[in-house]
Amino acid sequence: MRRGALLKGLAAATTTSLAGCSPPRAIGHVGQLLRGCVDTSVPPVDNVLRLVRGTFRSRHVAVPVGYAIVVPNGLPRPSPYVAYVLPGRGSTAESVLAMGLPGLFAERMRANGHAFNLAIVDAGESYFHSRTSGEDRLAMVTVDFPRVVREVIGSEILREALIGQSMGGYGALLAAEREPERYRAVAVAGPAIFPSYADEHRSVGDAFDSPDDFARHDVLAHAASLRTKPVLIVIGQRDPFLTGARMFVKACPTAALDVQKGCHDDGFWRTSAPELLQFVGAALTHSR
């Protein structure tokens, strides 16, 4: 797509410095910690990263979609390596920034030098698959958003990986299953994996339109398609999706499962983020 045509579809894209935007965050409430939850502080960003944020239009989503792309500073040429970040239900790119991901990313870069881009996108509510409403946020992530990413980072060729949290973790696994040769790695925290449609119907209740819709988008049924890819699932001991995570690893034995102390909350997303970033960074930058 030509630069002018793409920028016409972007709304209010801005580039800003990230220095000082992620102050250290105090560890979570004592009561939460006593219930087995966890949290961590957020390191400063300094000047190792810059941020491009804005919105774009997707033919798969009725409303403008917000995004934030975190780009390493000081590289001799644009890095083609990108990890798409799919947040939890109702979360936005802005809420992921506020959660402290840039600071955690900056810390990992200072520690190991893995230079890649983070491309964060609004999650919405529709569970990252095609719905009878006409919305398909999976297609938005896999087809439309990469066009924006190419324009922002200045690289026509992308080397891609996926990171997800909760509903976004489910979406990241589904995207990787649909195109296993495309993505170099997938790393998720507390993925919202339901063992059956009945289980989903008793809990969330609106993640799928019907039993047939569930069957078409069942990540457990197609987990074996990722046997040759680096897959990491990090999940808290008190996460309600722990059963689904264990079932996924049983269906895809090459996937790594790391069960840690923690819950299904922002504290765990912060605590698990360094491991997810390290995993995809190594897979992206060490692959040929």
Protein backbone atom coordinates (compact mmCIF):
# COMPACT_ATOMS: atom_id res chain seq x y z
CA MET A 1 0.00 0.00 0.00
CA ARG A 2 1.33 3.44 -0.82
CA ARG A 3 2.29 5.73 2.04
CA GLY A 4 -0.24 8.43 1.19
CA ALA A 5 -3.11 5.97 0.93
CA LEU A 6 -2.30 4.38 4.25
CA LEU A 7 -1.85 7.62 6.15
CA LYS A 8 -5.22 8.72 4.84
CA GLY A 9 -6.73 5.80 6.76
CA LEU A 10 -4.92 6.63 10.00
CA ALA A 11 -6.42 9.03 12.47
CA ALA A 12 -4.22 11.25 14.63
CA ALA A 13 -1.12 9.06 14.57
CA THR A 14 1.48 10.57 16.88
CA THR A 15 5.07 9.81 17.83
CA THR A 16 6.22 10.54 21.34
CA SER A 17 9.15 9.84 23.60
CA LEU A 18 8.52 7.23 26.25
CA ALA A 19 11.04 8.62 28.69
CA GLY A 20 9.47 8.87 32.12
CA CYS A 21 6.03 7.64 31.08
CA SER A 22 6.14 4.48 33.21
CA PRO A 23 6.93 5.40 36.80
CA PRO A 24 7.69 2.54 39.19
CA ARG A 25 4.44 0.89 40.31
CA ALA A 26 3.99 -0.21 43.89
CA ILE A 27 3.41 -3.89 44.49
CA GLY A 28 -0.29 -4.74 44.71
CA HIS A 29 -2.66 -4.64 47.65
CA VAL A 30 -1.67 -6.81 50.62
CA GLY A 31 -5.04 -8.58 50.61
CA GLN A 32 -4.55 -9.60 47.00
CA LEU A 33 -1.08 -10.93 47.76
CA LEU A 34 -2.42 -12.96 50.66
CA ARG A 35 -4.95 -14.56 48.30
CA GLY A 36 -2.10 -15.86 46.16
CA CYS A 37 -1.95 -13.00 43.65
CA VAL A 38 1.26 -11.27 42.59
CA ASP A 39 2.46 -7.95 41.23
CA THR A 40 5.72 -6.22 40.40
CA SER A 41 7.13 -2.74 39.98
CA VAL A 42 7.56 -1.18 36.53
CA PRO A 43 11.08 -0.04 35.56
CA PRO A 44 11.65 3.34 33.90
CA VAL A 45 11.71 3.51 30.11
CA ASP A 46 14.50 6.11 29.74
CA ASN A 47 15.26 6.84 26.06
CA VAL A 48 15.64 3.34 24.64
CA LEU A 49 12.14 3.36 23.11
CA ARG A 50 9.78 5.66 21.26
CA LEU A 51 6.03 5.36 20.93
CA VAL A 52 3.76 5.77 17.90
CA ARG A 53 0.07 5.76 18.72
CA GLY A 54 -3.07 6.38 16.72
CA THR A 55 -6.16 4.75 15.22
CA PHE A 56 -6.92 3.01 11.95
CA ARG A 57 -9.98 1.76 10.12
CA SER A 58 -10.49 -1.93 9.45
CA ARG A 59 -13.16 -3.38 7.19
CA HIS A 60 -13.53 -6.14 9.81
CA VAL A 61 -14.41 -3.79 12.70
CA ALA A 62 -17.13 -1.10 12.65
CA VAL A 63 -15.33 1.40 14.89
CA PRO A 64 -11.84 2.95 14.67
CA VAL A 65 -9.22 0.69 16.25
CA GLY A 66 -6.62 2.16 18.56
CA TYR A 67 -3.01 1.05 18.45
CA ALA A 68 0.36 1.76 20.02
CA ILE A 69 3.65 0.68 18.47
CA VAL A 70 6.74 0.66 20.67
CA VAL A 71 9.90 1.06 18.58
CA PRO A 72 13.52 0.66 19.75
CA ASN A 73 15.59 3.81 19.47
CA GLY A 74 19.08 4.07 18.06
CA LEU A 75 18.98 1.26 15.49
CA PRO A 76 21.06 1.71 12.31
CA ARG A 77 18.08 0.57 10.23
CA PRO A 78 14.42 -0.30 10.92
CA SER A 79 13.95 -3.66 12.62
CA PRO A 80 11.59 -6.02 10.75
CA TYR A 81 10.92 -7.99 13.93
CA VAL A 82 7.52 -7.36 15.51
CA ALA A 83 5.50 -8.96 18.28
CA TYR A 84 1.78 -8.23 18.15
CA VAL A 85 0.27 -7.77 21.61
CA LEU A 86 -3.36 -8.87 21.96
CA PRO A 87 -4.78 -7.68 25.29
CA GLY A 88 -7.59 -9.06 27.43
CA ARG A 89 -11.27 -8.46 26.86
CA GLY A 90 -12.24 -4.80 26.81
CA SER A 91 -8.63 -3.67 27.11
CA THR A 92 -7.11 -1.11 24.78
CA ALA A 93 -3.65 -0.28 23.54
CA GLU A 94 -3.69 2.67 25.93
CA SER A 95 -4.56 0.48 28.93
CA VAL A 96 -1.67 -1.85 28.09
CA LEU A 97 0.66 1.15 28.04
CA ALA A 98 -0.74 2.30 31.39
CA MET A 99 -0.20 -1.20 32.79
CA GLY A 100 3.53 -0.62 32.29
CA LEU A 101 4.48 -2.84 29.35
CA PRO A 102 6.90 -0.29 27.80
CA GLY A 103 8.95 -0.14 31.01
CA LEU A 104 9.12 -3.92 31.25
CA PHE A 105 10.08 -4.08 27.56
CA ALA A 106 12.81 -1.48 28.06
CA GLU A 107 14.23 -3.51 30.93
CA ARG A 108 14.41 -6.63 28.77
CA MET A 109 16.13 -4.70 25.98
CA ARG A 110 18.72 -3.33 28.38
CA ALA A 111 19.33 -6.83 29.71
CA ASN A 112 19.72 -8.79 26.46
CA GLY A 113 19.61 -6.40 23.51
CA HIS A 114 16.78 -8.16 21.64
CA ALA A 115 15.69 -5.34 19.31
CA PHE A 116 12.15 -5.81 18.08
CA ASN A 117 8.94 -3.80 17.88
CA LEU A 118 5.83 -4.21 20.01
CA ALA A 119 2.56 -3.60 18.16
CA ILE A 120 -0.35 -3.29 20.60
CA VAL A 121 -3.96 -3.11 19.43
CA ASP A 122 -7.39 -2.61 21.02
CA ALA A 123 -8.96 -5.92 22.01
CA GLY A 124 -12.67 -5.17 21.84
CA GLU A 125 -15.15 -7.72 23.19
CA SER A 126 -15.64 -10.28 20.40
CA TYR A 127 -12.97 -12.86 21.24
CA PHE A 128 -10.71 -12.48 18.21
CA HIS A 129 -12.67 -14.56 15.72
CA SER A 130 -15.37 -13.98 13.11
CA ARG A 131 -18.81 -13.33 14.61
CA THR A 132 -22.36 -13.24 13.27
CA SER A 133 -22.31 -9.50 14.04
CA GLY A 134 -19.84 -9.11 11.18
CA GLU A 135 -16.91 -8.25 13.43
CA ASP A 136 -13.71 -10.24 12.99
CA ARG A 137 -10.89 -8.92 15.13
CA LEU A 138 -8.66 -11.83 14.19
CA ALA A 139 -8.70 -10.66 10.57
CA MET A 140 -8.13 -7.11 11.81
CA VAL A 141 -4.99 -8.29 13.62
CA THR A 142 -3.65 -10.55 10.88
CA VAL A 143 -4.58 -8.56 7.75
CA ASP A 144 -5.20 -4.87 8.48
CA PHE A 145 -2.94 -4.09 11.43
CA PRO A 146 0.28 -5.35 9.79
CA ARG A 147 -0.19 -2.72 7.05
CA VAL A 148 -0.11 -0.03 9.72
CA VAL A 149 2.92 -1.63 11.36
CA ARG A 150 4.87 -1.72 8.09
CA GLU A 151 4.22 1.96 7.54
CA VAL A 152 5.17 2.98 11.07
CA ILE A 153 8.41 1.00 11.38
CA GLY A 154 9.45 1.53 7.76
CA SER A 155 9.91 -2.12 6.78
CA GLU A 156 8.00 -3.83 3.98
CA ILE A 157 9.01 -7.28 5.26
CA LEU A 158 7.95 -8.31 8.75
CA ARG A 159 9.19 -11.15 10.94
CA GLU A 160 6.26 -11.76 13.27
CA ALA A 161 5.41 -13.24 16.66
CA LEU A 162 2.39 -13.07 18.98
CA ILE A 163 1.88 -12.15 22.63
CA GLY A 164 -1.50 -12.37 24.33
CA GLN A 165 -3.20 -11.95 27.67
CA SER A 166 -6.45 -13.66 28.68
CA MET A 167 -8.86 -13.28 25.73
CA GLY A 168 -5.90 -11.99 23.73
CA GLY A 169 -3.98 -15.12 24.71
CA TYR A 170 -6.73 -17.22 23.16
CA GLY A 171 -6.64 -14.98 20.07
CA ALA A 172 -2.86 -15.27 19.76
CA LEU A 173 -3.01 -19.06 19.88
CA LEU A 174 -5.84 -19.10 17.32
CA ALA A 175 -3.93 -16.81 14.95
CA ALA A 176 -0.82 -18.99 15.24
CA GLU A 177 -2.84 -22.14 14.57
CA ARG A 178 -4.38 -20.61 11.46
CA GLU A 179 -0.97 -19.62 10.04
CA PRO A 180 1.69 -21.71 11.81
CA GLU A 181 4.35 -20.95 9.18
CA ARG A 182 3.85 -17.21 9.49
CA TYR A 183 4.54 -16.62 13.18
CA ARG A 184 7.92 -17.44 14.67
CA ALA A 185 6.64 -17.80 18.22
CA VAL A 186 3.59 -17.30 20.42
CA ALA A 187 3.73 -16.52 24.14
CA VAL A 188 0.61 -16.00 26.23
CA ALA A 189 -0.35 -15.32 29.83
CA GLY A 190 -3.55 -16.77 31.31
CA PRO A 191 -5.10 -17.60 27.91
CA ALA A 192 -8.91 -17.79 27.99
CA ILE A 193 -9.15 -21.39 26.79
CA PHE A 194 -12.49 -23.12 27.37
CA PRO A 195 -12.52 -26.94 27.44
CA SER A 196 -15.99 -27.03 25.85
CA TYR A 197 -18.81 -24.84 24.59
CA ALA A 198 -20.85 -25.79 27.66
CA ASP A 199 -18.01 -24.61 29.91
CA GLU A 200 -17.84 -21.27 28.06
CA HIS A 201 -21.63 -20.91 28.14
CA ARG A 202 -21.65 -21.36 31.93
CA SER A 203 -18.96 -18.73 32.45
CA VAL A 204 -18.45 -15.91 29.94
CA GLY A 205 -21.53 -16.86 27.95
CA ASP A 206 -20.99 -14.76 24.81
CA ALA A 207 -17.53 -15.64 23.52
CA PHE A 208 -19.03 -17.82 20.75
CA ASP A 209 -22.25 -17.57 18.79
CA SER A 210 -23.14 -21.27 18.90
CA PRO A 211 -21.67 -24.75 19.44
CA ASP A 212 -20.69 -24.79 15.76
CA ASP A 213 -18.95 -21.44 16.14
CA PHE A 214 -17.03 -22.82 19.13
CA ALA A 215 -16.02 -25.92 17.16
CA ARG A 216 -14.71 -23.80 14.27
CA HIS A 217 -12.53 -21.77 16.62
CA ASP A 218 -11.57 -24.38 19.22
CA VAL A 219 -7.85 -23.90 19.92
CA LEU A 220 -7.67 -27.21 21.78
CA ALA A 221 -8.85 -29.17 18.74
CA HIS A 222 -6.11 -27.65 16.56
CA ALA A 223 -3.27 -27.35 19.07
CA ALA A 224 -1.21 -30.01 17.32
CA SER A 225 -0.71 -27.63 14.36
CA LEU A 226 1.81 -25.76 16.54
CA ARG A 227 4.03 -28.78 17.30
CA THR A 228 6.93 -27.30 15.33
CA LYS A 229 6.66 -23.74 16.71
CA PRO A 230 7.95 -22.19 19.95
CA VAL A 231 4.87 -21.85 22.22
CA LEU A 232 4.85 -20.64 25.82
CA ILE A 233 1.92 -20.47 28.23
CA VAL A 234 2.48 -18.72 31.56
CA ILE A 235 -0.42 -18.93 33.99
CA GLY A 236 -1.17 -18.34 37.66
CA GLN A 237 -1.99 -21.10 40.09
CA ARG A 238 -5.26 -19.32 40.91
CA ASP A 239 -6.21 -18.59 37.30
CA PRO A 240 -9.63 -20.04 36.36
CA PHE A 241 -8.25 -20.98 32.93
CA LEU A 242 -5.54 -23.26 34.33
CA THR A 243 -7.44 -26.40 33.29
CA GLY A 244 -7.70 -25.19 29.70
CA ALA A 245 -3.99 -24.33 29.64
CA ARG A 246 -3.05 -27.81 30.83
CA MET A 247 -5.32 -29.35 28.21
CA PHE A 248 -3.64 -27.28 25.49
CA VAL A 249 -0.17 -28.46 26.48
CA LYS A 250 -1.38 -32.05 26.54
CA ALA A 251 -2.69 -31.59 22.98
CA CYS A 252 0.54 -29.85 21.92
CA PRO A 253 3.35 -31.49 23.94
CA THR A 254 6.02 -29.22 22.47
CA ALA A 255 4.35 -26.19 24.11
CA ALA A 256 5.94 -25.08 27.37
CA LEU A 257 3.70 -24.50 30.40
CA ASP A 258 4.93 -22.36 33.28
CA VAL A 259 2.52 -22.40 36.24
CA GLN A 260 3.43 -19.72 38.75
CA LYS A 261 1.97 -18.13 41.84
CA GLY A 262 -0.63 -15.61 40.70
CA CYS A 263 -4.17 -14.78 39.62
CA HIS A 264 -5.94 -13.63 36.44
CA ASP A 265 -5.29 -9.90 36.79
CA ASP A 266 -3.08 -6.95 35.85
CA GLY A 267 -0.55 -7.90 38.54
CA PHE A 268 0.04 -11.22 36.83
CA TRP A 269 0.21 -9.61 33.37
CA ARG A 270 2.98 -7.35 34.67
CA THR A 271 4.80 -10.15 36.46
CA SER A 272 4.67 -12.53 33.49
CA ALA A 273 5.49 -9.92 30.81
CA PRO A 274 9.32 -10.18 31.05
CA GLU A 275 9.16 -13.93 30.43
CA LEU A 276 6.85 -13.49 27.43
CA LEU A 277 9.05 -10.74 25.98
CA GLN A 278 12.22 -12.77 26.47
CA PHE A 279 10.65 -15.81 24.80
CA VAL A 280 9.41 -14.05 21.65
CA GLY A 281 12.50 -11.83 21.45
CA ALA A 282 14.80 -14.84 21.38
CA ALA A 283 12.64 -16.62 18.79
CA LEU A 284 12.40 -13.56 16.57
CA THR A 285 15.98 -12.36 16.58
CA HIS A 286 17.67 -15.78 16.62
CA SER A 287 15.62 -17.23 13.74
CA ARG A 288 16.86 -17.27 10.17
